[in-house]
Amino acid sequence: MSQPRTIMADPAWRPSPKAKLLWTLHSAVAWIIPLVALIVWVVFDSGHRAAQLAASAVALALAVFSIGVIPLWRYAVHRWEVTDEAVYTRVGWVTQESRVAPISRVQTVDTERGPLERLLGLATVTVTTASSAGAVQITGLDLPVAEQTVTRLAEIAALHRGDAT
C-alpha cells in the first residue's frame, strides 16, 4: 500500500493587479530593439520583401503574445504567502516553480524598486536564504504591502533566532 502524497497548498496571495501592467511594460521595452531593427531592414533593403514579410509576421505574432498574453498568464500563476514557518512562492508561466523558504533559513530580506516599479508604486521583496537554490523573490507587490511584508519577516525571523544555516 502506498503512502498518501503530500501536496503543498497554493500560496494565498496574488501580486498587485498593477503587476500585469509592469510585466506588459517590461515586455514592450524588450521588443523595442528587435522591432526597430526589423523596420530598419525593411526600409534599407528592398530586395528581400518575402523574407521581410515573413519575419515581420513572426515578430508581430511573438510581440503580441509576449506583450498581450504572457503578463496575464504570469498574473494568473504567481502567488506568495508569508507564515510564521516559511515564505511560499509560485512563479512561472510555461515552467512553474513552487518554493518554500523556512523562516529559520532566512538570512536577509531586501526591497528593490526599478524605474517602472517606482512609476507604478510597486516593489520586489527578495528573501535570501541559506539555500543552494538561491533567493526567493516576491515580485509586483504594492509598496505598502512590500514594506509590511519586510517588517513581518523581520519580526518572525527575530523570534526564530537561528543561525540560518
C-alpha atoms as a PDB file:
ATOM      1  CA  MET A   1       0.000   0.000   0.000  1.00  0.00           C
ATOM      2  CA  SER A   2       1.458   3.344  -0.979  1.00  0.00           C
ATOM      3  CA  GLN A   3       1.578   6.283   1.376  1.00  0.00           C
ATOM      4  CA  PRO A   4      -0.569   9.329   0.582  1.00  0.00           C
ATOM      5  CA  ARG A   5       1.336  12.059  -1.201  1.00  0.00           C
ATOM      6  CA  THR A   6       1.533  15.432   0.496  1.00  0.00           C
ATOM      7  CA  ILE A   7       0.537  18.245  -1.821  1.00  0.00           C
ATOM      8  CA  MET A   8       1.596  21.780  -0.984  1.00  0.00           C
ATOM      9  CA  ALA A   9      -1.330  24.177  -0.919  1.00  0.00           C
ATOM     10  CA  ASP A  10      -1.147  27.149  -3.231  1.00  0.00           C
ATOM     11  CA  PRO A  11       0.205  30.293  -1.594  1.00  0.00           C
ATOM     12  CA  ALA A  12      -2.698  32.567  -0.716  1.00  0.00           C
ATOM     13  CA  TRP A  13      -1.829  35.966  -2.219  1.00  0.00           C
ATOM     14  CA  ARG A  14      -1.522  37.344  -5.741  1.00  0.00           C
ATOM     15  CA  PRO A  15       0.775  40.211  -6.676  1.00  0.00           C
ATOM     16  CA  SER A  16      -0.798  43.630  -7.126  1.00  0.00           C
ATOM     17  CA  PRO A  17      -3.075  43.887 -10.172  1.00  0.00           C
ATOM     18  CA  LYS A  18      -0.613  46.577 -11.350  1.00  0.00           C
ATOM     19  CA  ALA A  19       1.936  43.762 -11.815  1.00  0.00           C
ATOM     20  CA  LYS A  20       0.174  42.922 -15.100  1.00  0.00           C
ATOM     21  CA  LEU A  21       1.000  46.423 -16.379  1.00  0.00           C
ATOM     22  CA  LEU A  22       4.569  46.156 -15.055  1.00  0.00           C
ATOM     23  CA  TRP A  23       5.171  42.873 -16.898  1.00  0.00           C
ATOM     24  CA  THR A  24       3.492  44.274 -20.026  1.00  0.00           C
ATOM     25  CA  LEU A  25       5.802  47.302 -19.976  1.00  0.00           C
ATOM     26  CA  HIS A  26       8.874  45.092 -19.419  1.00  0.00           C
ATOM     27  CA  SER A  27       7.907  43.010 -22.472  1.00  0.00           C
ATOM     28  CA  ALA A  28       7.168  46.080 -24.585  1.00  0.00           C
ATOM     29  CA  VAL A  29      10.548  47.610 -23.735  1.00  0.00           C
ATOM     30  CA  ALA A  30      12.289  44.331 -24.584  1.00  0.00           C
ATOM     31  CA  TRP A  31      10.662  44.349 -28.042  1.00  0.00           C
ATOM     32  CA  ILE A  32      11.786  47.884 -28.984  1.00  0.00           C
ATOM     33  CA  ILE A  33      15.237  46.932 -30.347  1.00  0.00           C
ATOM     34  CA  PRO A  34      14.113  43.882 -32.395  1.00  0.00           C
ATOM     35  CA  LEU A  35      11.221  45.822 -33.915  1.00  0.00           C
ATOM     36  CA  VAL A  36      13.405  48.842 -34.727  1.00  0.00           C
ATOM     37  CA  ALA A  37      15.965  46.502 -36.339  1.00  0.00           C
ATOM     38  CA  LEU A  38      13.193  44.929 -38.425  1.00  0.00           C
ATOM     39  CA  ILE A  39      11.953  48.361 -39.543  1.00  0.00           C
ATOM     40  CA  VAL A  40      15.486  49.418 -40.493  1.00  0.00           C
ATOM     41  CA  TRP A  41      15.884  46.210 -42.531  1.00  0.00           C
ATOM     42  CA  VAL A  42      12.580  46.828 -44.357  1.00  0.00           C
ATOM     43  CA  VAL A  43      13.423  50.485 -45.082  1.00  0.00           C
ATOM     44  CA  PHE A  44      17.009  49.967 -46.283  1.00  0.00           C
ATOM     45  CA  ASP A  45      16.819  46.579 -48.070  1.00  0.00           C
ATOM     46  CA  SER A  46      14.187  46.362 -50.774  1.00  0.00           C
ATOM     47  CA  GLY A  47      15.498  43.120 -52.259  1.00  0.00           C
ATOM     48  CA  HIS A  48      14.102  40.671 -49.719  1.00  0.00           C
ATOM     49  CA  ARG A  49      10.399  41.555 -49.421  1.00  0.00           C
ATOM     50  CA  ALA A  50       9.183  37.959 -48.959  1.00  0.00           C
ATOM     51  CA  ALA A  51      11.656  37.328 -46.135  1.00  0.00           C
ATOM     52  CA  GLN A  52      10.835  40.704 -44.596  1.00  0.00           C
ATOM     53  CA  LEU A  53       7.116  39.966 -44.718  1.00  0.00           C
ATOM     54  CA  ALA A  54       7.640  36.551 -43.085  1.00  0.00           C
ATOM     55  CA  ALA A  55       9.960  37.972 -40.411  1.00  0.00           C
ATOM     56  CA  SER A  56       7.520  40.826 -39.761  1.00  0.00           C
ATOM     57  CA  ALA A  57       4.600  38.418 -39.346  1.00  0.00           C
ATOM     58  CA  VAL A  58       6.551  36.184 -36.951  1.00  0.00           C
ATOM     59  CA  ALA A  59       7.891  39.143 -34.956  1.00  0.00           C
ATOM     60  CA  LEU A  60       4.450  40.727 -34.712  1.00  0.00           C
ATOM     61  CA  ALA A  61       2.852  37.465 -33.535  1.00  0.00           C
ATOM     62  CA  LEU A  62       5.576  36.910 -30.935  1.00  0.00           C
ATOM     63  CA  ALA A  63       5.406  40.517 -29.743  1.00  0.00           C
ATOM     64  CA  VAL A  64       1.614  40.379 -29.363  1.00  0.00           C
ATOM     65  CA  PHE A  65       1.897  37.102 -27.423  1.00  0.00           C
ATOM     66  CA  SER A  66       4.758  38.404 -25.270  1.00  0.00           C
ATOM     67  CA  ILE A  67       3.130  41.755 -24.535  1.00  0.00           C
ATOM     68  CA  GLY A  68      -0.547  40.802 -24.512  1.00  0.00           C
ATOM     69  CA  VAL A  69      -0.746  37.236 -23.200  1.00  0.00           C
ATOM     70  CA  ILE A  70       2.273  36.369 -21.040  1.00  0.00           C
ATOM     71  CA  PRO A  71       1.727  39.120 -18.400  1.00  0.00           C
ATOM     72  CA  LEU A  72      -1.862  37.937 -17.876  1.00  0.00           C
ATOM     73  CA  TRP A  73      -0.728  34.316 -17.706  1.00  0.00           C
ATOM     74  CA  ARG A  74       2.012  35.185 -15.206  1.00  0.00           C
ATOM     75  CA  TYR A  75      -0.519  37.022 -13.055  1.00  0.00           C
ATOM     76  CA  ALA A  76      -2.829  34.008 -13.077  1.00  0.00           C
ATOM     77  CA  VAL A  77       0.022  31.773 -11.814  1.00  0.00           C
ATOM     78  CA  HIS A  78       2.019  33.996  -9.427  1.00  0.00           C
ATOM     79  CA  ARG A  79       1.230  33.545  -5.747  1.00  0.00           C
ATOM     80  CA  TRP A  80       3.020  34.263  -2.496  1.00  0.00           C
ATOM     81  CA  GLU A  81       2.485  33.907   1.233  1.00  0.00           C
ATOM     82  CA  VAL A  82       4.416  34.509   4.445  1.00  0.00           C
ATOM     83  CA  THR A  83       3.563  32.424   7.509  1.00  0.00           C
ATOM     84  CA  ASP A  84       5.263  32.056  10.873  1.00  0.00           C
ATOM     85  CA  GLU A  85       7.063  28.997   9.471  1.00  0.00           C
ATOM     86  CA  ALA A  86       8.001  29.835   5.874  1.00  0.00           C
ATOM     87  CA  VAL A  87       7.849  32.021   2.780  1.00  0.00           C
ATOM     88  CA  TYR A  88       5.946  30.361  -0.060  1.00  0.00           C
ATOM     89  CA  THR A  89       6.043  31.393  -3.720  1.00  0.00           C
ATOM     90  CA  ARG A  90       4.798  30.034  -7.025  1.00  0.00           C
ATOM     91  CA  VAL A  91       6.026  31.633 -10.246  1.00  0.00           C
ATOM     92  CA  GLY A  92       6.332  30.896 -13.936  1.00  0.00           C
ATOM     93  CA  TRP A  93       4.121  30.625 -16.953  1.00  0.00           C
ATOM     94  CA  VAL A  94       5.333  27.667 -19.032  1.00  0.00           C
ATOM     95  CA  THR A  95       7.512  26.083 -16.362  1.00  0.00           C
ATOM     96  CA  GLN A  96       6.086  26.739 -12.920  1.00  0.00           C
ATOM     97  CA  GLU A  97       8.222  26.728  -9.788  1.00  0.00           C
ATOM     98  CA  SER A  98       6.945  26.473  -6.222  1.00  0.00           C
ATOM     99  CA  ARG A  99       9.381  27.399  -3.462  1.00  0.00           C
ATOM    100  CA  VAL A 100       9.261  27.101   0.303  1.00  0.00           C
ATOM    101  CA  ALA A 101      11.866  29.026   2.304  1.00  0.00           C
ATOM    102  CA  PRO A 102      11.742  28.106   6.001  1.00  0.00           C
ATOM    103  CA  ILE A 103      11.949  31.166   8.249  1.00  0.00           C
ATOM    104  CA  SER A 104      14.818  29.540  10.161  1.00  0.00           C
ATOM    105  CA  ARG A 105      16.881  29.701   6.930  1.00  0.00           C
ATOM    106  CA  VAL A 106      16.238  33.404   6.181  1.00  0.00           C
ATOM    107  CA  GLN A 107      19.423  35.462   6.121  1.00  0.00           C
ATOM    108  CA  THR A 108      18.349  38.787   4.621  1.00  0.00           C
ATOM    109  CA  VAL A 109      15.199  40.468   3.370  1.00  0.00           C
ATOM    110  CA  ASP A 110      15.558  43.233   0.775  1.00  0.00           C
ATOM    111  CA  THR A 111      13.252  45.512  -1.186  1.00  0.00           C
ATOM    112  CA  GLU A 112      14.039  46.506  -4.762  1.00  0.00           C
ATOM    113  CA  ARG A 113      12.283  49.102  -6.932  1.00  0.00           C
ATOM    114  CA  GLY A 114      13.338  49.647 -10.520  1.00  0.00           C
ATOM    115  CA  PRO A 115      12.192  52.671 -12.541  1.00  0.00           C
ATOM    116  CA  LEU A 116       8.977  51.046 -13.779  1.00  0.00           C
ATOM    117  CA  GLU A 117       8.193  49.699 -10.304  1.00  0.00           C
ATOM    118  CA  ARG A 118       8.661  53.178  -8.813  1.00  0.00           C
ATOM    119  CA  LEU A 119       6.417  54.659 -11.513  1.00  0.00           C
ATOM    120  CA  LEU A 120       3.668  52.140 -10.671  1.00  0.00           C
ATOM    121  CA  GLY A 121       4.136  52.177  -6.882  1.00  0.00           C
ATOM    122  CA  LEU A 122       5.361  48.572  -6.801  1.00  0.00           C
ATOM    123  CA  ALA A 123       8.289  46.730  -5.223  1.00  0.00           C
ATOM    124  CA  THR A 124      10.014  43.347  -5.208  1.00  0.00           C
ATOM    125  CA  VAL A 125      10.837  41.642  -1.916  1.00  0.00           C
ATOM    126  CA  THR A 126      13.862  39.331  -2.033  1.00  0.00           C
ATOM    127  CA  VAL A 127      14.305  36.776   0.735  1.00  0.00           C
ATOM    128  CA  THR A 128      17.848  35.406   0.793  1.00  0.00           C
ATOM    129  CA  THR A 129      18.214  32.044   2.471  1.00  0.00           C
ATOM    130  CA  ALA A 130      20.924  29.566   3.293  1.00  0.00           C
ATOM    131  CA  SER A 131      19.955  27.520   0.241  1.00  0.00           C
ATOM    132  CA  SER A 132      21.736  26.484  -2.907  1.00  0.00           C
ATOM    133  CA  ALA A 133      18.513  27.254  -4.809  1.00  0.00           C
ATOM    134  CA  GLY A 134      19.098  30.971  -4.267  1.00  0.00           C
ATOM    135  CA  ALA A 135      16.876  33.795  -3.112  1.00  0.00           C
ATOM    136  CA  VAL A 136      13.097  33.778  -3.175  1.00  0.00           C
ATOM    137  CA  GLN A 137      11.582  36.804  -4.911  1.00  0.00           C
ATOM    138  CA  ILE A 138       8.088  38.154  -4.471  1.00  0.00           C
ATOM    139  CA  THR A 139       7.516  40.497  -7.407  1.00  0.00           C
ATOM    140  CA  GLY A 140       4.839  43.028  -8.208  1.00  0.00           C
ATOM    141  CA  LEU A 141       3.807  43.992  -4.685  1.00  0.00           C
ATOM    142  CA  ASP A 142       2.213  47.319  -3.879  1.00  0.00           C
ATOM    143  CA  LEU A 143       4.837  49.327  -1.962  1.00  0.00           C
ATOM    144  CA  PRO A 144       2.902  49.361   1.359  1.00  0.00           C
ATOM    145  CA  VAL A 145       2.387  45.582   1.107  1.00  0.00           C
ATOM    146  CA  ALA A 146       6.103  45.079   0.393  1.00  0.00           C
ATOM    147  CA  GLU A 147       7.062  47.231   3.381  1.00  0.00           C
ATOM    148  CA  GLN A 148       4.632  45.352   5.654  1.00  0.00           C
ATOM    149  CA  THR A 149       5.981  42.033   4.366  1.00  0.00           C
ATOM    150  CA  VAL A 150       9.582  43.031   5.116  1.00  0.00           C
ATOM    151  CA  THR A 151       8.601  44.203   8.600  1.00  0.00           C
ATOM    152  CA  ARG A 152       6.666  40.997   9.284  1.00  0.00           C
ATOM    153  CA  LEU A 153       9.524  38.804   8.043  1.00  0.00           C
ATOM    154  CA  ALA A 154      11.993  40.679  10.250  1.00  0.00           C
ATOM    155  CA  GLU A 155       9.718  40.191  13.264  1.00  0.00           C
ATOM    156  CA  ILE A 156       9.181  36.481  12.561  1.00  0.00           C
ATOM    157  CA  ALA A 157      12.876  35.877  11.890  1.00  0.00           C
ATOM    158  CA  ALA A 158      13.781  37.594  15.184  1.00  0.00           C
ATOM    159  CA  LEU A 159      11.576  35.092  17.011  1.00  0.00           C
ATOM    160  CA  HIS A 160      13.396  32.137  15.418  1.00  0.00           C
ATOM    161  CA  ARG A 161      16.934  33.446  16.145  1.00  0.00           C
ATOM    162  CA  GLY A 162      18.513  30.512  14.314  1.00  0.00           C
ATOM    163  CA  ASP A 163      21.853  30.650  12.574  1.00  0.00           C
ATOM    164  CA  ALA A 164      20.254  30.422   9.095  1.00  0.00           C
ATOM    165  CA  THR A 165      22.477  27.582   8.003  1.00  0.00           C
END
